[in-house]
Amino acid sequence: MKEIVITLVFMMALLAFAVFPAVKLVEFISKKRELTHKMQNFLTLLFTVSIAFCGALFLKFV
């Protein structure tokens, strides 16, 4: 349980830094494929959380 809490704390710290790569990634995808505004928002949120979680796991295991 302690490891999960530590990972989530790391993730919260990384959320602000994960927004920019997520936005750029969604912009790249929207250039290749037509996306609705709702889908762009959903993908931005999904990529932001995913990038922050991957970064938190990296910090935890290194």
N, C-alpha and C. Protein backbone atom coordinates (compact mmCIF):
# COMPACT_ATOMS: atom_id res chain seq x y z
N MET A 1 0.82 -1.19 0.00
CA MET A 1 0.00 0.00 0.00
C MET A 1 0.87 1.26 0.00
N LYS A 2 1.97 1.20 0.73
CA LYS A 2 2.86 2.35 0.81
C LYS A 2 3.45 2.69 -0.56
N GLU A 3 3.77 1.65 -1.34
CA GLU A 3 4.35 1.88 -2.67
C GLU A 3 3.35 2.56 -3.61
N ILE A 4 2.07 2.19 -3.48
CA ILE A 4 1.04 2.79 -4.33
C ILE A 4 0.89 4.27 -3.98
N VAL A 5 0.90 4.59 -2.71
CA VAL A 5 0.77 5.99 -2.29
C VAL A 5 1.95 6.82 -2.77
N ILE A 6 3.15 6.27 -2.65
CA ILE A 6 4.35 6.98 -3.12
C ILE A 6 4.28 7.22 -4.62
N THR A 7 3.84 6.22 -5.37
CA THR A 7 3.70 6.37 -6.83
C THR A 7 2.68 7.45 -7.16
N LEU A 8 1.56 7.48 -6.45
CA LEU A 8 0.53 8.49 -6.71
C LEU A 8 1.01 9.89 -6.34
N VAL A 9 1.81 10.02 -5.30
CA VAL A 9 2.37 11.32 -4.94
C VAL A 9 3.32 11.80 -6.03
N PHE A 10 4.16 10.91 -6.52
CA PHE A 10 5.05 11.27 -7.64
C PHE A 10 4.22 11.68 -8.86
N MET A 11 3.13 10.95 -9.09
CA MET A 11 2.29 11.23 -10.25
C MET A 11 1.66 12.62 -10.15
N MET A 12 1.20 12.99 -8.98
CA MET A 12 0.60 14.32 -8.79
C MET A 12 1.62 15.43 -9.07
N ALA A 13 2.85 15.19 -8.70
CA ALA A 13 3.89 16.20 -8.96
C ALA A 13 4.19 16.31 -10.45
N LEU A 14 4.06 15.22 -11.18
CA LEU A 14 4.41 15.21 -12.59
C LEU A 14 3.25 15.61 -13.52
N LEU A 15 2.05 15.73 -12.99
CA LEU A 15 0.91 16.07 -13.85
C LEU A 15 1.10 17.40 -14.58
N ALA A 16 1.64 18.39 -13.91
CA ALA A 16 1.82 19.70 -14.53
C ALA A 16 2.83 19.64 -15.67
N PHE A 17 3.84 18.78 -15.53
CA PHE A 17 4.86 18.67 -16.57
C PHE A 17 4.42 17.76 -17.72
N ALA A 18 3.40 16.96 -17.51
CA ALA A 18 2.94 16.03 -18.53
C ALA A 18 1.93 16.65 -19.49
N VAL A 19 1.42 17.81 -19.17
CA VAL A 19 0.39 18.43 -20.00
C VAL A 19 0.94 18.83 -21.37
N PHE A 20 2.09 19.46 -21.40
CA PHE A 20 2.65 19.95 -22.67
C PHE A 20 2.91 18.81 -23.67
N PRO A 21 3.60 17.72 -23.27
CA PRO A 21 3.77 16.62 -24.25
C PRO A 21 2.45 16.01 -24.68
N ALA A 22 1.48 15.95 -23.78
CA ALA A 22 0.18 15.38 -24.15
C ALA A 22 -0.53 16.24 -25.19
N VAL A 23 -0.48 17.55 -25.01
CA VAL A 23 -1.12 18.46 -25.97
C VAL A 23 -0.44 18.34 -27.34
N LYS A 24 0.88 18.30 -27.34
CA LYS A 24 1.60 18.18 -28.61
C LYS A 24 1.31 16.84 -29.29
N LEU A 25 1.18 15.79 -28.51
CA LEU A 25 0.86 14.48 -29.07
C LEU A 25 -0.53 14.46 -29.68
N VAL A 26 -1.49 15.07 -29.03
CA VAL A 26 -2.85 15.14 -29.57
C VAL A 26 -2.90 16.02 -30.81
N GLU A 27 -2.14 17.11 -30.83
CA GLU A 27 -2.07 17.94 -32.03
C GLU A 27 -1.51 17.15 -33.21
N PHE A 28 -0.49 16.34 -32.96
CA PHE A 28 0.09 15.51 -34.01
C PHE A 28 -0.93 14.51 -34.53
N ILE A 29 -1.66 13.89 -33.62
CA ILE A 29 -2.68 12.91 -34.03
C ILE A 29 -3.80 13.59 -34.80
N SER A 30 -4.20 14.78 -34.39
CA SER A 30 -5.30 15.48 -35.07
C SER A 30 -4.89 15.96 -36.46
N LYS A 31 -3.60 16.15 -36.70
CA LYS A 31 -3.15 16.48 -38.06
C LYS A 31 -3.28 15.28 -38.98
N LYS A 32 -3.07 14.09 -38.45
CA LYS A 32 -3.15 12.87 -39.25
C LYS A 32 -4.57 12.38 -39.43
N ARG A 33 -5.41 12.68 -38.45
CA ARG A 33 -6.76 12.13 -38.45
C ARG A 33 -7.72 13.18 -37.91
N GLU A 34 -8.91 13.23 -38.45
CA GLU A 34 -9.91 14.20 -38.01
C GLU A 34 -10.49 13.77 -36.66
N LEU A 35 -10.35 14.63 -35.65
CA LEU A 35 -10.86 14.34 -34.32
C LEU A 35 -11.84 15.43 -33.90
N THR A 36 -12.87 15.02 -33.19
CA THR A 36 -13.79 16.01 -32.64
C THR A 36 -13.13 16.70 -31.45
N HIS A 37 -13.70 17.82 -31.05
CA HIS A 37 -13.16 18.56 -29.91
C HIS A 37 -13.26 17.73 -28.63
N LYS A 38 -14.36 17.00 -28.51
CA LYS A 38 -14.55 16.15 -27.32
C LYS A 38 -13.49 15.05 -27.27
N MET A 39 -13.17 14.46 -28.42
CA MET A 39 -12.17 13.40 -28.47
C MET A 39 -10.77 13.97 -28.19
N GLN A 40 -10.49 15.17 -28.67
CA GLN A 40 -9.21 15.81 -28.37
C GLN A 40 -9.05 16.04 -26.88
N ASN A 41 -10.11 16.51 -26.23
CA ASN A 41 -10.05 16.72 -24.78
C ASN A 41 -9.83 15.41 -24.03
N PHE A 42 -10.54 14.37 -24.46
CA PHE A 42 -10.40 13.07 -23.81
C PHE A 42 -8.99 12.52 -23.99
N LEU A 43 -8.46 12.60 -25.22
CA LEU A 43 -7.11 12.10 -25.47
C LEU A 43 -6.05 12.90 -24.71
N THR A 44 -6.24 14.20 -24.61
CA THR A 44 -5.30 15.02 -23.85
C THR A 44 -5.29 14.60 -22.38
N LEU A 45 -6.45 14.40 -21.81
CA LEU A 45 -6.53 13.94 -20.42
C LEU A 45 -5.91 12.55 -20.26
N LEU A 46 -6.22 11.66 -21.18
CA LEU A 46 -5.69 10.29 -21.11
C LEU A 46 -4.17 10.28 -21.24
N PHE A 47 -3.63 11.02 -22.19
CA PHE A 47 -2.18 11.05 -22.37
C PHE A 47 -1.48 11.76 -21.21
N THR A 48 -2.11 12.79 -20.65
CA THR A 48 -1.52 13.48 -19.51
C THR A 48 -1.38 12.54 -18.32
N VAL A 49 -2.44 11.83 -18.01
CA VAL A 49 -2.40 10.89 -16.89
C VAL A 49 -1.43 9.74 -17.18
N SER A 50 -1.43 9.26 -18.40
CA SER A 50 -0.53 8.15 -18.76
C SER A 50 0.94 8.56 -18.67
N ILE A 51 1.27 9.73 -19.18
CA ILE A 51 2.66 10.20 -19.13
C ILE A 51 3.09 10.43 -17.69
N ALA A 52 2.21 11.02 -16.89
CA ALA A 52 2.54 11.26 -15.48
C ALA A 52 2.71 9.94 -14.74
N PHE A 53 1.87 8.96 -15.03
CA PHE A 53 1.98 7.66 -14.37
C PHE A 53 3.27 6.94 -14.77
N CYS A 54 3.61 6.99 -16.05
CA CYS A 54 4.86 6.37 -16.50
C CYS A 54 6.07 7.06 -15.86
N GLY A 55 6.03 8.37 -15.76
CA GLY A 55 7.11 9.09 -15.11
C GLY A 55 7.22 8.75 -13.63
N ALA A 56 6.08 8.60 -12.98
CA ALA A 56 6.08 8.24 -11.56
C ALA A 56 6.65 6.84 -11.36
N LEU A 57 6.28 5.92 -12.22
CA LEU A 57 6.85 4.57 -12.13
C LEU A 57 8.35 4.59 -12.37
N PHE A 58 8.78 5.40 -13.32
CA PHE A 58 10.21 5.51 -13.58
C PHE A 58 10.94 6.05 -12.34
N LEU A 59 10.40 7.08 -11.73
CA LEU A 59 11.03 7.66 -10.53
C LEU A 59 11.04 6.67 -9.36
N LYS A 60 9.99 5.87 -9.27
CA LYS A 60 9.91 4.93 -8.17
C LYS A 60 10.94 3.81 -8.31
N PHE A 61 11.14 3.32 -9.51
CA PHE A 61 12.02 2.17 -9.71
C PHE A 61 13.47 2.52 -9.96
N VAL A 62 13.76 3.80 -10.15
CA VAL A 62 15.17 4.20 -10.37
C VAL A 62 15.81 4.62 -9.10
